[in-house]
Amino acid sequence: MLNRIKGLLADEQGGEVLEYALIVGLIVVAAIAAITAVGTKVLARWTSLDSSI
């Protein structure tokens, strides 16, 4: 049993996939934050244009 646990801890398969998943997750969070920040300004601009027409 102890050898099996040591084998699982030493196994590095899937490490790269985890790293890529974390990077993609960070990119998604940054994109959502940017869209949210810019979205309010765009909405305000559209509202301003709509009221001026």
C-alpha atoms as a PDB file:
ATOM      1  CA  MET A   1       0.000   0.000   0.000  1.00  0.00           C
ATOM      2  CA  LEU A   2       2.800   2.405   0.885  1.00  0.00           C
ATOM      3  CA  ASN A   3       4.567   1.685  -2.410  1.00  0.00           C
ATOM      4  CA  ARG A   4       1.375   2.443  -4.310  1.00  0.00           C
ATOM      5  CA  ILE A   5       0.982   5.803  -2.564  1.00  0.00           C
ATOM      6  CA  LYS A   6       4.623   6.665  -3.276  1.00  0.00           C
ATOM      7  CA  GLY A   7       4.049   5.737  -6.911  1.00  0.00           C
ATOM      8  CA  LEU A   8       1.024   7.999  -7.142  1.00  0.00           C
ATOM      9  CA  LEU A   9       2.930  10.899  -5.585  1.00  0.00           C
ATOM     10  CA  ALA A  10       5.860  10.417  -7.960  1.00  0.00           C
ATOM     11  CA  ASP A  11       3.611  10.188 -11.039  1.00  0.00           C
ATOM     12  CA  GLU A  12       3.856  13.386 -13.057  1.00  0.00           C
ATOM     13  CA  GLN A  13       1.395  12.517 -15.804  1.00  0.00           C
ATOM     14  CA  GLY A  14      -1.267  15.157 -16.246  1.00  0.00           C
ATOM     15  CA  GLY A  15       0.805  17.915 -14.643  1.00  0.00           C
ATOM     16  CA  GLU A  16       1.015  19.857 -17.876  1.00  0.00           C
ATOM     17  CA  VAL A  17      -2.720  19.577 -18.418  1.00  0.00           C
ATOM     18  CA  LEU A  18      -3.310  21.021 -14.968  1.00  0.00           C
ATOM     19  CA  GLU A  19      -0.973  23.918 -15.683  1.00  0.00           C
ATOM     20  CA  TYR A  20      -2.708  24.686 -18.974  1.00  0.00           C
ATOM     21  CA  ALA A  21      -6.098  24.493 -17.268  1.00  0.00           C
ATOM     22  CA  LEU A  22      -4.963  26.993 -14.641  1.00  0.00           C
ATOM     23  CA  ILE A  23      -3.629  29.359 -17.305  1.00  0.00           C
ATOM     24  CA  VAL A  24      -6.879  29.152 -19.280  1.00  0.00           C
ATOM     25  CA  GLY A  25      -8.835  29.750 -16.080  1.00  0.00           C
ATOM     26  CA  LEU A  26      -6.833  32.881 -15.331  1.00  0.00           C
ATOM     27  CA  ILE A  27      -7.337  34.145 -18.884  1.00  0.00           C
ATOM     28  CA  VAL A  28     -11.091  33.596 -18.597  1.00  0.00           C
ATOM     29  CA  VAL A  29     -11.259  35.445 -15.278  1.00  0.00           C
ATOM     30  CA  ALA A  30      -9.257  38.356 -16.731  1.00  0.00           C
ATOM     31  CA  ALA A  31     -11.503  38.454 -19.815  1.00  0.00           C
ATOM     32  CA  ILE A  32     -14.649  38.519 -17.681  1.00  0.00           C
ATOM     33  CA  ALA A  33     -13.214  41.343 -15.573  1.00  0.00           C
ATOM     34  CA  ALA A  34     -12.263  43.342 -18.668  1.00  0.00           C
ATOM     35  CA  ILE A  35     -15.639  42.814 -20.330  1.00  0.00           C
ATOM     36  CA  THR A  36     -17.430  43.832 -17.154  1.00  0.00           C
ATOM     37  CA  ALA A  37     -15.339  46.986 -16.787  1.00  0.00           C
ATOM     38  CA  VAL A  38     -15.695  48.014 -20.421  1.00  0.00           C
ATOM     39  CA  GLY A  39     -19.307  46.880 -20.690  1.00  0.00           C
ATOM     40  CA  THR A  40     -20.605  49.537 -18.327  1.00  0.00           C
ATOM     41  CA  LYS A  41     -18.841  52.262 -20.300  1.00  0.00           C
ATOM     42  CA  VAL A  42     -20.200  50.940 -23.593  1.00  0.00           C
ATOM     43  CA  LEU A  43     -23.714  50.757 -22.159  1.00  0.00           C
ATOM     44  CA  ALA A  44     -23.434  54.346 -20.946  1.00  0.00           C
ATOM     45  CA  ARG A  45     -22.240  55.454 -24.387  1.00  0.00           C
ATOM     46  CA  TRP A  46     -25.124  53.666 -26.132  1.00  0.00           C
ATOM     47  CA  THR A  47     -27.608  55.177 -23.711  1.00  0.00           C
ATOM     48  CA  SER A  48     -26.166  58.632 -24.356  1.00  0.00           C
ATOM     49  CA  LEU A  49     -26.355  58.131 -28.115  1.00  0.00           C
ATOM     50  CA  ASP A  50     -29.909  56.799 -27.868  1.00  0.00           C
ATOM     51  CA  SER A  51     -31.104  59.786 -25.876  1.00  0.00           C
ATOM     52  CA  SER A  52     -29.451  62.245 -28.255  1.00  0.00           C
ATOM     53  CA  ILE A  53     -31.197  60.776 -31.293  1.00  0.00           C
END
